Amino acid sequence: MFYEPGKAFAALRAKSHTWLPLLAIMAGTAAMIYWYFQTVDFAWMLDQTAAATPDMTAEQREAMHKVMSPTLMTWSALGGVLLGTPIVYALYALYYLLAGKFIGSDISYGKWFALTAWTSLPRLLVLPLMAMQIMTSGGRVALEDLSMVSLNFLLLNLPAGHPWASFFNSLDLPLLWSVALTVIGLRVWTGRSLATCITISVLPVAIIFGLWAAKIVLFA
């Protein structure tokens, strides 16, 4: 998948092994999240969160310190990974199924779910970077800075309170790599033109980030 994706997708068309990338990504990400919240300087993290929200009142800050705990944050984050990941993949698979029907493909929903899972494999390459950050940070690293491959971390360095910080933290190299893998997978599985495969692959990302950017411009 990393160095000969065309051959990989040709093999996966017959036998998908969907559980392999799905479990690898979920287990690896969950392990990093758990490790992070067990080692982070929690008081420091709450202070950073408060600093990123300057309009927070003193009462709200006090309530945040009372309510938030490492255990609560850990299980909330793990729930997001373990429940959110398959839900997001399922939605993407539904989109590919509908797009496939539009271009005349008879590929099943399960196969599209497999494509979504396999094209997410670049996320695994971020895990060593996350581990390095956790080990060397002394407990003082923001969750969004763990991967070090977002456009914000690499190029912009916007502070956490900046309206565009979360936007560019979410735009990262694994996402772009996954889009490129999806283009290749679509070409191998459907035989459609490169332009068609690029359009199908880029469209959901463009819609999500386009709406997000519009919200920032209009309401931030």
N, C-alpha and C. Protein backbone atom coordinates (compact mmCIF):
# COMPACT_ATOMS: atom_id res chain seq x y z
N MET A 1 0.82 -1.21 0.00
CA MET A 1 0.00 0.00 0.00
C MET A 1 0.86 1.26 0.00
N PHE A 2 2.04 1.19 0.60
CA PHE A 2 2.88 2.38 0.69
C PHE A 2 3.78 2.58 -0.53
N TYR A 3 4.24 1.49 -1.13
CA TYR A 3 5.17 1.68 -2.24
C TYR A 3 4.68 1.10 -3.56
N GLU A 4 3.64 0.26 -3.56
CA GLU A 4 3.02 -0.21 -4.79
C GLU A 4 1.50 -0.28 -4.58
N PRO A 5 0.87 0.86 -4.39
CA PRO A 5 -0.56 0.85 -4.06
C PRO A 5 -1.43 0.26 -5.16
N GLY A 6 -1.02 0.42 -6.42
CA GLY A 6 -1.80 -0.15 -7.51
C GLY A 6 -1.93 -1.65 -7.38
N LYS A 7 -0.82 -2.33 -7.12
CA LYS A 7 -0.85 -3.78 -6.93
C LYS A 7 -1.63 -4.15 -5.68
N ALA A 8 -1.49 -3.35 -4.64
CA ALA A 8 -2.22 -3.63 -3.40
C ALA A 8 -3.73 -3.59 -3.63
N PHE A 9 -4.20 -2.55 -4.32
CA PHE A 9 -5.63 -2.44 -4.57
C PHE A 9 -6.14 -3.54 -5.49
N ALA A 10 -5.32 -3.96 -6.43
CA ALA A 10 -5.72 -5.07 -7.30
C ALA A 10 -5.95 -6.34 -6.50
N ALA A 11 -5.09 -6.57 -5.51
CA ALA A 11 -5.25 -7.75 -4.66
C ALA A 11 -6.44 -7.60 -3.71
N LEU A 12 -6.63 -6.38 -3.20
CA LEU A 12 -7.71 -6.15 -2.23
C LEU A 12 -9.08 -6.19 -2.88
N ARG A 13 -9.13 -6.01 -4.18
CA ARG A 13 -10.43 -6.07 -4.88
C ARG A 13 -11.05 -7.45 -4.72
N ALA A 14 -10.21 -8.48 -4.65
CA ALA A 14 -10.72 -9.85 -4.50
C ALA A 14 -10.92 -10.22 -3.04
N LYS A 15 -9.98 -9.84 -2.19
CA LYS A 15 -10.06 -10.19 -0.77
C LYS A 15 -9.60 -8.98 0.05
N SER A 16 -10.53 -8.36 0.76
CA SER A 16 -10.28 -7.03 1.30
C SER A 16 -9.56 -7.00 2.65
N HIS A 17 -9.78 -7.98 3.52
CA HIS A 17 -9.17 -7.99 4.85
C HIS A 17 -9.40 -6.65 5.57
N THR A 18 -10.64 -6.18 5.56
CA THR A 18 -10.95 -4.84 6.10
C THR A 18 -10.56 -4.69 7.56
N TRP A 19 -10.68 -5.76 8.33
CA TRP A 19 -10.42 -5.67 9.77
C TRP A 19 -8.98 -5.30 10.07
N LEU A 20 -8.05 -5.64 9.17
CA LEU A 20 -6.64 -5.42 9.46
C LEU A 20 -6.28 -3.94 9.58
N PRO A 21 -6.55 -3.10 8.57
CA PRO A 21 -6.24 -1.67 8.74
C PRO A 21 -7.13 -1.00 9.78
N LEU A 22 -8.38 -1.43 9.86
CA LEU A 22 -9.31 -0.81 10.82
C LEU A 22 -8.82 -1.01 12.25
N LEU A 23 -8.51 -2.24 12.61
CA LEU A 23 -8.05 -2.51 13.98
C LEU A 23 -6.68 -1.89 14.24
N ALA A 24 -5.79 -1.91 13.24
CA ALA A 24 -4.46 -1.34 13.43
C ALA A 24 -4.54 0.15 13.72
N ILE A 25 -5.35 0.87 12.96
CA ILE A 25 -5.48 2.32 13.15
C ILE A 25 -6.17 2.63 14.48
N MET A 26 -7.25 1.92 14.78
CA MET A 26 -7.98 2.19 16.02
C MET A 26 -7.14 1.85 17.24
N ALA A 27 -6.49 0.68 17.23
CA ALA A 27 -5.69 0.26 18.39
C ALA A 27 -4.47 1.16 18.57
N GLY A 28 -3.79 1.48 17.48
CA GLY A 28 -2.61 2.34 17.59
C GLY A 28 -2.95 3.73 18.08
N THR A 29 -4.00 4.32 17.52
CA THR A 29 -4.41 5.68 17.94
C THR A 29 -4.89 5.67 19.38
N ALA A 30 -5.68 4.66 19.75
CA ALA A 30 -6.19 4.57 21.12
C ALA A 30 -5.04 4.43 22.11
N ALA A 31 -4.02 3.66 21.77
CA ALA A 31 -2.87 3.49 22.66
C ALA A 31 -2.14 4.81 22.88
N MET A 32 -1.95 5.58 21.81
CA MET A 32 -1.28 6.88 21.94
C MET A 32 -2.10 7.85 22.78
N ILE A 33 -3.41 7.85 22.55
CA ILE A 33 -4.29 8.75 23.31
C ILE A 33 -4.25 8.39 24.80
N TYR A 34 -4.33 7.10 25.08
CA TYR A 34 -4.29 6.66 26.48
C TYR A 34 -2.96 7.05 27.12
N TRP A 35 -1.87 6.80 26.45
CA TRP A 35 -0.54 7.15 26.96
C TRP A 35 -0.42 8.65 27.20
N TYR A 36 -0.94 9.42 26.26
CA TYR A 36 -0.86 10.88 26.38
C TYR A 36 -1.55 11.37 27.66
N PHE A 37 -2.78 10.96 27.90
CA PHE A 37 -3.52 11.46 29.04
C PHE A 37 -3.02 10.89 30.37
N GLN A 38 -2.26 9.80 30.32
CA GLN A 38 -1.67 9.27 31.54
C GLN A 38 -0.36 10.00 31.90
N THR A 39 0.22 10.70 30.96
CA THR A 39 1.52 11.33 31.20
C THR A 39 1.49 12.85 31.12
N VAL A 40 0.45 13.43 30.53
CA VAL A 40 0.42 14.88 30.36
C VAL A 40 0.29 15.58 31.71
N ASP A 41 0.91 16.75 31.82
CA ASP A 41 0.73 17.62 32.99
C ASP A 41 -0.67 18.20 32.88
N PHE A 42 -1.62 17.60 33.61
CA PHE A 42 -3.02 17.92 33.38
C PHE A 42 -3.37 19.36 33.76
N ALA A 43 -2.79 19.85 34.84
CA ALA A 43 -3.04 21.24 35.23
C ALA A 43 -2.53 22.19 34.14
N TRP A 44 -1.36 21.88 33.59
CA TRP A 44 -0.81 22.69 32.50
C TRP A 44 -1.74 22.65 31.29
N MET A 45 -2.27 21.47 30.95
CA MET A 45 -3.15 21.33 29.80
C MET A 45 -4.42 22.16 29.98
N LEU A 46 -4.98 22.16 31.18
CA LEU A 46 -6.18 22.96 31.43
C LEU A 46 -5.87 24.44 31.34
N ASP A 47 -4.70 24.84 31.82
CA ASP A 47 -4.31 26.24 31.70
C ASP A 47 -4.16 26.66 30.25
N GLN A 48 -3.59 25.76 29.43
CA GLN A 48 -3.46 26.05 28.00
C GLN A 48 -4.82 26.15 27.33
N THR A 49 -5.74 25.31 27.73
CA THR A 49 -7.08 25.35 27.18
C THR A 49 -7.77 26.66 27.54
N ALA A 50 -7.61 27.07 28.78
CA ALA A 50 -8.21 28.33 29.23
C ALA A 50 -7.58 29.52 28.51
N ALA A 51 -6.26 29.47 28.32
CA ALA A 51 -5.57 30.57 27.65
C ALA A 51 -6.01 30.70 26.20
N ALA A 52 -6.37 29.57 25.58
CA ALA A 52 -6.81 29.60 24.19
C ALA A 52 -8.24 30.12 24.05
N THR A 53 -8.92 30.30 25.20
CA THR A 53 -10.30 30.82 25.19
C THR A 53 -10.35 32.06 26.09
N PRO A 54 -9.86 33.21 25.60
CA PRO A 54 -9.73 34.39 26.44
C PRO A 54 -11.05 34.94 26.96
N ASP A 55 -12.18 34.62 26.29
CA ASP A 55 -13.47 35.13 26.74
C ASP A 55 -14.09 34.27 27.83
N MET A 56 -13.39 33.23 28.28
CA MET A 56 -13.90 32.38 29.36
C MET A 56 -13.86 33.14 30.68
N THR A 57 -14.96 33.10 31.41
CA THR A 57 -15.03 33.80 32.68
C THR A 57 -14.30 33.02 33.77
N ALA A 58 -14.04 33.70 34.89
CA ALA A 58 -13.37 33.03 36.00
C ALA A 58 -14.20 31.87 36.53
N GLU A 59 -15.53 32.05 36.54
CA GLU A 59 -16.41 30.98 37.00
C GLU A 59 -16.34 29.78 36.07
N GLN A 60 -16.28 30.05 34.78
CA GLN A 60 -16.18 28.96 33.81
C GLN A 60 -14.86 28.21 33.94
N ARG A 61 -13.79 28.95 34.20
CA ARG A 61 -12.49 28.30 34.38
C ARG A 61 -12.49 27.42 35.62
N GLU A 62 -13.09 27.95 36.68
CA GLU A 62 -13.15 27.16 37.91
C GLU A 62 -13.98 25.90 37.71
N ALA A 63 -15.10 26.02 36.98
CA ALA A 63 -15.95 24.87 36.72
C ALA A 63 -15.20 23.84 35.85
N MET A 64 -14.42 24.32 34.88
CA MET A 64 -13.66 23.42 34.02
C MET A 64 -12.66 22.61 34.84
N HIS A 65 -11.97 23.27 35.77
CA HIS A 65 -10.99 22.58 36.59
C HIS A 65 -11.66 21.55 37.51
N LYS A 66 -12.90 21.83 37.92
CA LYS A 66 -13.60 20.88 38.80
C LYS A 66 -14.12 19.68 38.02
N VAL A 67 -14.64 19.93 36.82
CA VAL A 67 -15.30 18.88 36.06
C VAL A 67 -14.29 18.00 35.33
N MET A 68 -13.29 18.65 34.71
CA MET A 68 -12.33 17.89 33.90
C MET A 68 -11.40 17.07 34.78
N SER A 69 -11.13 15.87 34.36
CA SER A 69 -10.18 15.00 35.05
C SER A 69 -9.48 14.14 34.02
N PRO A 70 -8.28 13.63 34.34
CA PRO A 70 -7.60 12.76 33.38
C PRO A 70 -8.43 11.55 32.96
N THR A 71 -9.17 10.98 33.92
CA THR A 71 -9.99 9.81 33.59
C THR A 71 -11.09 10.16 32.61
N LEU A 72 -11.80 11.28 32.89
CA LEU A 72 -12.88 11.71 32.01
C LEU A 72 -12.36 12.01 30.61
N MET A 73 -11.26 12.74 30.53
CA MET A 73 -10.70 13.11 29.23
C MET A 73 -10.20 11.88 28.47
N THR A 74 -9.60 10.94 29.21
CA THR A 74 -9.09 9.72 28.57
C THR A 74 -10.22 8.93 27.93
N TRP A 75 -11.29 8.68 28.69
CA TRP A 75 -12.37 7.86 28.16
C TRP A 75 -13.17 8.59 27.10
N SER A 76 -13.27 9.90 27.21
CA SER A 76 -13.95 10.67 26.16
C SER A 76 -13.18 10.57 24.85
N ALA A 77 -11.85 10.73 24.93
CA ALA A 77 -11.02 10.66 23.73
C ALA A 77 -11.02 9.25 23.14
N LEU A 78 -10.93 8.23 24.02
CA LEU A 78 -10.95 6.85 23.54
C LEU A 78 -12.29 6.52 22.88
N GLY A 79 -13.35 7.03 23.45
CA GLY A 79 -14.66 6.82 22.85
C GLY A 79 -14.75 7.44 21.46
N GLY A 80 -14.16 8.63 21.33
CA GLY A 80 -14.14 9.27 20.02
C GLY A 80 -13.39 8.46 18.99
N VAL A 81 -12.28 7.84 19.41
CA VAL A 81 -11.48 7.02 18.48
C VAL A 81 -12.19 5.71 18.16
N LEU A 82 -12.63 4.99 19.18
CA LEU A 82 -13.17 3.65 18.98
C LEU A 82 -14.57 3.64 18.37
N LEU A 83 -15.34 4.69 18.62
CA LEU A 83 -16.67 4.78 18.04
C LEU A 83 -16.68 5.67 16.79
N GLY A 84 -15.94 6.78 16.88
CA GLY A 84 -15.96 7.73 15.78
C GLY A 84 -15.30 7.21 14.51
N THR A 85 -14.21 6.45 14.66
CA THR A 85 -13.49 5.97 13.48
C THR A 85 -14.36 5.11 12.57
N PRO A 86 -15.00 4.04 13.08
CA PRO A 86 -15.85 3.24 12.17
C PRO A 86 -17.04 4.02 11.64
N ILE A 87 -17.56 4.97 12.41
CA ILE A 87 -18.69 5.77 11.91
C ILE A 87 -18.26 6.64 10.73
N VAL A 88 -17.11 7.29 10.87
CA VAL A 88 -16.59 8.12 9.78
C VAL A 88 -16.31 7.26 8.54
N TYR A 89 -15.70 6.11 8.75
CA TYR A 89 -15.42 5.21 7.63
C TYR A 89 -16.72 4.77 6.96
N ALA A 90 -17.75 4.50 7.77
CA ALA A 90 -19.03 4.07 7.22
C ALA A 90 -19.66 5.16 6.36
N LEU A 91 -19.55 6.41 6.79
CA LEU A 91 -20.10 7.53 6.02
C LEU A 91 -19.34 7.71 4.71
N TYR A 92 -18.01 7.60 4.78
CA TYR A 92 -17.22 7.70 3.55
C TYR A 92 -17.57 6.57 2.59
N ALA A 93 -17.73 5.35 3.13
CA ALA A 93 -18.08 4.21 2.29
C ALA A 93 -19.43 4.43 1.61
N LEU A 94 -20.38 5.02 2.34
CA LEU A 94 -21.68 5.32 1.74
C LEU A 94 -21.52 6.33 0.60
N TYR A 95 -20.69 7.33 0.83
CA TYR A 95 -20.44 8.31 -0.24
C TYR A 95 -19.84 7.64 -1.47
N TYR A 96 -18.84 6.78 -1.27
CA TYR A 96 -18.23 6.10 -2.41
C TYR A 96 -19.22 5.17 -3.11
N LEU A 97 -20.10 4.54 -2.34
CA LEU A 97 -21.12 3.68 -2.94
C LEU A 97 -22.02 4.49 -3.86
N LEU A 98 -22.47 5.65 -3.39
CA LEU A 98 -23.34 6.49 -4.20
C LEU A 98 -22.60 7.05 -5.41
N ALA A 99 -21.35 7.46 -5.20
CA ALA A 99 -20.55 7.96 -6.32
C ALA A 99 -20.31 6.84 -7.33
N GLY A 100 -20.07 5.63 -6.81
CA GLY A 100 -19.87 4.50 -7.70
C GLY A 100 -21.11 4.20 -8.54
N LYS A 101 -22.28 4.27 -7.91
CA LYS A 101 -23.51 4.06 -8.66
C LYS A 101 -23.66 5.11 -9.76
N PHE A 102 -23.25 6.33 -9.44
CA PHE A 102 -23.38 7.44 -10.40
C PHE A 102 -22.52 7.19 -11.65
N ILE A 103 -21.34 6.59 -11.46
CA ILE A 103 -20.45 6.34 -12.60
C ILE A 103 -20.62 4.93 -13.17
N GLY A 104 -21.62 4.22 -12.67
CA GLY A 104 -21.93 2.91 -13.23
C GLY A 104 -21.16 1.75 -12.65
N SER A 105 -20.65 1.89 -11.43
CA SER A 105 -19.90 0.81 -10.79
C SER A 105 -20.84 -0.04 -9.93
N ASP A 106 -20.58 -1.35 -9.90
CA ASP A 106 -21.41 -2.25 -9.08
C ASP A 106 -20.68 -2.73 -7.83
N ILE A 107 -19.65 -2.02 -7.42
CA ILE A 107 -18.87 -2.40 -6.24
C ILE A 107 -19.75 -2.29 -4.99
N SER A 108 -19.65 -3.26 -4.10
CA SER A 108 -20.52 -3.32 -2.92
C SER A 108 -20.07 -2.33 -1.84
N TYR A 109 -21.00 -2.09 -0.90
CA TYR A 109 -20.71 -1.19 0.22
C TYR A 109 -19.52 -1.69 1.04
N GLY A 110 -19.46 -3.00 1.27
CA GLY A 110 -18.36 -3.56 2.06
C GLY A 110 -17.01 -3.30 1.44
N LYS A 111 -16.94 -3.38 0.11
CA LYS A 111 -15.68 -3.10 -0.58
C LYS A 111 -15.29 -1.63 -0.42
N TRP A 112 -16.26 -0.75 -0.49
CA TRP A 112 -15.95 0.68 -0.32
C TRP A 112 -15.50 0.97 1.11
N PHE A 113 -16.09 0.26 2.07
CA PHE A 113 -15.63 0.42 3.46
C PHE A 113 -14.17 -0.03 3.56
N ALA A 114 -13.84 -1.12 2.88
CA ALA A 114 -12.47 -1.61 2.89
C ALA A 114 -11.52 -0.58 2.26
N LEU A 115 -11.94 0.01 1.14
CA LEU A 115 -11.10 1.03 0.52
C LEU A 115 -10.85 2.20 1.47
N THR A 116 -11.90 2.61 2.16
CA THR A 116 -11.75 3.71 3.12
C THR A 116 -10.75 3.36 4.21
N ALA A 117 -10.83 2.14 4.71
CA ALA A 117 -9.92 1.71 5.78
C ALA A 117 -8.48 1.62 5.28
N TRP A 118 -8.28 1.02 4.13
CA TRP A 118 -6.92 0.84 3.62
C TRP A 118 -6.28 2.17 3.22
N THR A 119 -7.05 3.09 2.69
CA THR A 119 -6.47 4.38 2.31
C THR A 119 -6.17 5.25 3.53
N SER A 120 -6.61 4.83 4.70
CA SER A 120 -6.29 5.57 5.93
C SER A 120 -4.98 5.11 6.56
N LEU A 121 -4.32 4.13 5.98
CA LEU A 121 -3.09 3.58 6.56
C LEU A 121 -1.98 4.61 6.81
N PRO A 122 -1.85 5.67 6.02
CA PRO A 122 -0.82 6.67 6.35
C PRO A 122 -0.89 7.19 7.78
N ARG A 123 -2.07 7.08 8.41
CA ARG A 123 -2.20 7.50 9.82
C ARG A 123 -1.26 6.71 10.73
N LEU A 124 -0.97 5.47 10.35
CA LEU A 124 -0.08 4.66 11.18
C LEU A 124 1.32 5.24 11.25
N LEU A 125 1.75 5.91 10.19
CA LEU A 125 3.10 6.47 10.17
C LEU A 125 3.25 7.64 11.12
N VAL A 126 2.13 8.20 11.58
CA VAL A 126 2.18 9.31 12.52
C VAL A 126 2.44 8.82 13.95
N LEU A 127 2.10 7.56 14.22
CA LEU A 127 2.19 7.06 15.59
C LEU A 127 3.60 7.14 16.18
N PRO A 128 4.68 6.82 15.44
CA PRO A 128 6.02 6.99 16.03
C PRO A 128 6.32 8.45 16.39
N LEU A 129 5.82 9.39 15.59
CA LEU A 129 6.03 10.80 15.91
C LEU A 129 5.29 11.18 17.19
N MET A 130 4.08 10.65 17.34
CA MET A 130 3.32 10.91 18.56
C MET A 130 4.05 10.34 19.77
N ALA A 131 4.58 9.13 19.63
CA ALA A 131 5.31 8.50 20.74
C ALA A 131 6.53 9.33 21.11
N MET A 132 7.24 9.84 20.11
CA MET A 132 8.42 10.65 20.38
C MET A 132 8.06 11.94 21.11
N GLN A 133 6.96 12.56 20.71
CA GLN A 133 6.52 13.78 21.38
C GLN A 133 6.16 13.51 22.84
N ILE A 134 5.44 12.43 23.07
CA ILE A 134 5.04 12.10 24.44
C ILE A 134 6.26 11.83 25.31
N MET A 135 7.24 11.11 24.77
CA MET A 135 8.42 10.73 25.55
C MET A 135 9.33 11.92 25.86
N THR A 136 9.37 12.89 24.97
CA THR A 136 10.35 13.98 25.11
C THR A 136 9.77 15.29 25.59
N SER A 137 8.45 15.35 25.77
CA SER A 137 7.82 16.63 26.08
C SER A 137 7.80 16.97 27.56
N GLY A 138 8.10 16.01 28.41
CA GLY A 138 8.00 16.26 29.83
C GLY A 138 6.57 16.49 30.29
N GLY A 139 5.61 15.96 29.55
CA GLY A 139 4.21 16.11 29.92
C GLY A 139 3.59 17.41 29.48
N ARG A 140 4.33 18.22 28.72
CA ARG A 140 3.80 19.52 28.31
C ARG A 140 3.81 19.67 26.80
N VAL A 141 2.87 18.98 26.18
CA VAL A 141 2.65 19.09 24.74
C VAL A 141 1.15 19.04 24.50
N ALA A 142 0.68 19.92 23.62
CA ALA A 142 -0.75 19.95 23.31
C ALA A 142 -1.12 18.74 22.47
N LEU A 143 -2.32 18.27 22.63
CA LEU A 143 -2.78 17.09 21.90
C LEU A 143 -2.67 17.29 20.39
N GLU A 144 -3.00 18.51 19.93
CA GLU A 144 -2.97 18.77 18.49
C GLU A 144 -1.55 18.84 17.93
N ASP A 145 -0.53 18.91 18.82
CA ASP A 145 0.86 18.99 18.36
C ASP A 145 1.56 17.63 18.36
N LEU A 146 0.84 16.56 18.68
CA LEU A 146 1.49 15.26 18.80
C LEU A 146 2.01 14.73 17.47
N SER A 147 1.27 14.96 16.39
CA SER A 147 1.66 14.31 15.12
C SER A 147 2.77 15.04 14.40
N MET A 148 2.86 16.33 14.52
CA MET A 148 3.89 17.17 13.89
C MET A 148 3.83 17.18 12.36
N VAL A 149 2.74 16.73 11.77
CA VAL A 149 2.65 16.73 10.31
C VAL A 149 1.44 17.52 9.81
N SER A 150 0.83 18.33 10.67
CA SER A 150 -0.25 19.20 10.21
C SER A 150 0.34 20.43 9.53
N LEU A 151 -0.44 21.06 8.69
CA LEU A 151 0.03 22.29 8.03
C LEU A 151 0.28 23.39 9.05
N ASN A 152 -0.48 23.37 10.13
CA ASN A 152 -0.25 24.38 11.15
C ASN A 152 1.10 24.17 11.84
N PHE A 153 1.40 22.93 12.21
CA PHE A 153 2.66 22.64 12.90
C PHE A 153 3.85 22.87 11.97
N LEU A 154 3.71 22.46 10.72
CA LEU A 154 4.84 22.52 9.80
C LEU A 154 5.09 23.92 9.24
N LEU A 155 4.00 24.69 9.01
CA LEU A 155 4.16 25.93 8.26
C LEU A 155 3.69 27.19 8.99
N LEU A 156 2.57 27.10 9.69
CA LEU A 156 1.92 28.33 10.14
C LEU A 156 2.15 28.66 11.61
N ASN A 157 2.17 27.65 12.46
CA ASN A 157 2.36 27.84 13.90
C ASN A 157 1.36 28.82 14.51
N LEU A 158 0.10 28.67 14.13
CA LEU A 158 -0.94 29.51 14.71
C LEU A 158 -1.21 29.07 16.15
N PRO A 159 -1.41 30.00 17.07
CA PRO A 159 -1.69 29.61 18.46
C PRO A 159 -3.05 28.95 18.58
N ALA A 160 -3.24 28.23 19.68
CA ALA A 160 -4.45 27.43 19.86
C ALA A 160 -5.72 28.28 19.79
N GLY A 161 -5.66 29.51 20.24
CA GLY A 161 -6.86 30.36 20.25
C GLY A 161 -7.18 31.00 18.92
N HIS A 162 -6.33 30.86 17.93
CA HIS A 162 -6.55 31.48 16.62
C HIS A 162 -7.72 30.80 15.91
N PRO A 163 -8.59 31.58 15.23
CA PRO A 163 -9.75 30.98 14.56
C PRO A 163 -9.40 29.90 13.54
N TRP A 164 -8.23 30.00 12.91
CA TRP A 164 -7.86 29.04 11.87
C TRP A 164 -6.97 27.90 12.39
N ALA A 165 -6.66 27.89 13.68
CA ALA A 165 -5.72 26.89 14.21
C ALA A 165 -6.25 25.47 14.03
N SER A 166 -7.47 25.21 14.46
CA SER A 166 -8.03 23.86 14.34
C SER A 166 -8.17 23.44 12.88
N PHE A 167 -8.50 24.39 12.04
CA PHE A 167 -8.64 24.11 10.61
C PHE A 167 -7.34 23.57 10.03
N PHE A 168 -6.24 24.28 10.28
CA PHE A 168 -4.97 23.85 9.71
C PHE A 168 -4.31 22.73 10.51
N ASN A 169 -4.74 22.51 11.76
CA ASN A 169 -4.30 21.32 12.48
C ASN A 169 -4.91 20.06 11.87
N SER A 170 -6.11 20.19 11.31
CA SER A 170 -6.80 19.05 10.73
C SER A 170 -6.32 18.75 9.31
N LEU A 171 -5.78 19.75 8.64
CA LEU A 171 -5.20 19.54 7.31
C LEU A 171 -3.77 19.06 7.48
N ASP A 172 -3.54 17.79 7.25
CA ASP A 172 -2.20 17.25 7.48
C ASP A 172 -1.76 16.35 6.34
N LEU A 173 -0.50 15.93 6.39
CA LEU A 173 0.06 15.12 5.31
C LEU A 173 -0.62 13.76 5.16
N PRO A 174 -0.96 13.04 6.24
CA PRO A 174 -1.67 11.77 6.06
C PRO A 174 -3.01 11.93 5.33
N LEU A 175 -3.71 13.03 5.58
CA LEU A 175 -4.98 13.26 4.89
C LEU A 175 -4.73 13.39 3.38
N LEU A 176 -3.73 14.20 3.00
CA LEU A 176 -3.43 14.38 1.58
C LEU A 176 -2.98 13.06 0.95
N TRP A 177 -2.19 12.28 1.70
CA TRP A 177 -1.73 10.98 1.20
C TRP A 177 -2.91 10.04 1.00
N SER A 178 -3.85 10.06 1.94
CA SER A 178 -5.03 9.21 1.84
C SER A 178 -5.87 9.56 0.61
N VAL A 179 -5.98 10.85 0.31
CA VAL A 179 -6.71 11.27 -0.88
C VAL A 179 -6.03 10.72 -2.13
N ALA A 180 -4.69 10.80 -2.17
CA ALA A 180 -3.95 10.27 -3.32
C ALA A 180 -4.14 8.76 -3.46
N LEU A 181 -4.13 8.04 -2.34
CA LEU A 181 -4.36 6.59 -2.38
C LEU A 181 -5.77 6.27 -2.87
N THR A 182 -6.73 7.10 -2.48
CA THR A 182 -8.10 6.88 -2.92
C THR A 182 -8.22 7.04 -4.43
N VAL A 183 -7.52 8.02 -4.97
CA VAL A 183 -7.52 8.20 -6.43
C VAL A 183 -7.00 6.93 -7.10
N ILE A 184 -5.91 6.39 -6.59
CA ILE A 184 -5.33 5.17 -7.18
C ILE A 184 -6.29 3.99 -7.03
N GLY A 185 -6.88 3.86 -5.84
CA GLY A 185 -7.82 2.77 -5.61
C GLY A 185 -9.02 2.84 -6.53
N LEU A 186 -9.55 4.03 -6.72
CA LEU A 186 -10.69 4.20 -7.62
C LEU A 186 -10.33 3.85 -9.06
N ARG A 187 -9.14 4.26 -9.47
CA ARG A 187 -8.70 3.95 -10.83
C ARG A 187 -8.60 2.44 -11.05
N VAL A 188 -8.01 1.74 -10.05
CA VAL A 188 -7.83 0.30 -10.18
C VAL A 188 -9.17 -0.43 -10.13
N TRP A 189 -10.05 -0.01 -9.25
CA TRP A 189 -11.31 -0.73 -9.05
C TRP A 189 -12.38 -0.41 -10.08
N THR A 190 -12.40 0.83 -10.58
CA THR A 190 -13.48 1.22 -11.49
C THR A 190 -13.03 1.38 -12.93
N GLY A 191 -11.73 1.64 -13.14
CA GLY A 191 -11.24 1.86 -14.50
C GLY A 191 -11.66 3.18 -15.09
N ARG A 192 -12.17 4.08 -14.27
CA ARG A 192 -12.61 5.38 -14.78
C ARG A 192 -11.41 6.31 -14.97
N SER A 193 -11.65 7.44 -15.62
CA SER A 193 -10.58 8.37 -15.96
C SER A 193 -9.95 8.96 -14.70
N LEU A 194 -8.73 9.45 -14.85
CA LEU A 194 -8.03 10.06 -13.72
C LEU A 194 -8.80 11.26 -13.19
N ALA A 195 -9.34 12.07 -14.09
CA ALA A 195 -10.10 13.25 -13.67
C ALA A 195 -11.32 12.86 -12.84
N THR A 196 -12.02 11.81 -13.26
CA THR A 196 -13.19 11.35 -12.51
C THR A 196 -12.80 10.87 -11.12
N CYS A 197 -11.73 10.10 -11.04
CA CYS A 197 -11.28 9.56 -9.75
C CYS A 197 -10.79 10.67 -8.82
N ILE A 198 -10.11 11.66 -9.37
CA ILE A 198 -9.67 12.79 -8.56
C ILE A 198 -10.88 13.55 -8.03
N THR A 199 -11.86 13.77 -8.88
CA THR A 199 -13.06 14.50 -8.45
C THR A 199 -13.77 13.79 -7.31
N ILE A 200 -13.96 12.48 -7.47
CA ILE A 200 -14.65 11.71 -6.42
C ILE A 200 -13.85 11.72 -5.12
N SER A 201 -12.53 11.63 -5.21
CA SER A 201 -11.68 11.56 -4.02
C SER A 201 -11.61 12.90 -3.29
N VAL A 202 -11.53 13.97 -4.05
CA VAL A 202 -11.32 15.29 -3.45
C VAL A 202 -12.62 15.91 -2.95
N LEU A 203 -13.74 15.57 -3.59
CA LEU A 203 -15.00 16.24 -3.30
C LEU A 203 -15.39 16.24 -1.82
N PRO A 204 -15.41 15.11 -1.11
CA PRO A 204 -15.84 15.17 0.30
C PRO A 204 -14.91 16.02 1.16
N VAL A 205 -13.61 15.95 0.92
CA VAL A 205 -12.66 16.76 1.68
C VAL A 205 -12.88 18.23 1.38
N ALA A 206 -13.09 18.55 0.10
CA ALA A 206 -13.32 19.94 -0.30
C ALA A 206 -14.59 20.49 0.34
N ILE A 207 -15.64 19.67 0.39
CA ILE A 207 -16.91 20.13 0.99
C ILE A 207 -16.73 20.36 2.49
N ILE A 208 -16.11 19.40 3.18
CA ILE A 208 -15.95 19.52 4.63
C ILE A 208 -15.12 20.75 4.99
N PHE A 209 -13.96 20.88 4.36
CA PHE A 209 -13.08 22.00 4.70
C PHE A 209 -13.59 23.32 4.12
N GLY A 210 -14.32 23.26 3.01
CA GLY A 210 -14.92 24.47 2.47
C GLY A 210 -15.98 25.03 3.39
N LEU A 211 -16.85 24.17 3.91
CA LEU A 211 -17.87 24.63 4.86
C LEU A 211 -17.24 25.13 6.14
N TRP A 212 -16.20 24.43 6.59
CA TRP A 212 -15.50 24.85 7.81
C TRP A 212 -14.87 26.22 7.61
N ALA A 213 -14.22 26.44 6.48
CA ALA A 213 -13.60 27.74 6.20
C ALA A 213 -14.65 28.84 6.11
N ALA A 214 -15.78 28.53 5.47
CA ALA A 214 -16.85 29.53 5.35
C ALA A 214 -17.39 29.92 6.73
N LYS A 215 -17.51 28.93 7.61
CA LYS A 215 -17.98 29.23 8.98
C LYS A 215 -17.00 30.16 9.70
N ILE A 216 -15.70 29.90 9.54
CA ILE A 216 -14.70 30.75 10.19
C ILE A 216 -14.76 32.17 9.65
N VAL A 217 -14.85 32.30 8.33
CA VAL A 217 -14.89 33.61 7.70
C VAL A 217 -16.14 34.40 8.11
N LEU A 218 -17.26 33.71 8.19
CA LEU A 218 -18.53 34.40 8.46
C LEU A 218 -18.77 34.67 9.94
N PHE A 219 -18.30 33.78 10.80
CA PHE A 219 -18.71 33.86 12.20
C PHE A 219 -17.56 34.06 13.20
N ALA A 220 -16.30 33.87 12.78
CA ALA A 220 -15.20 34.01 13.73
C ALA A 220 -14.96 35.46 14.09
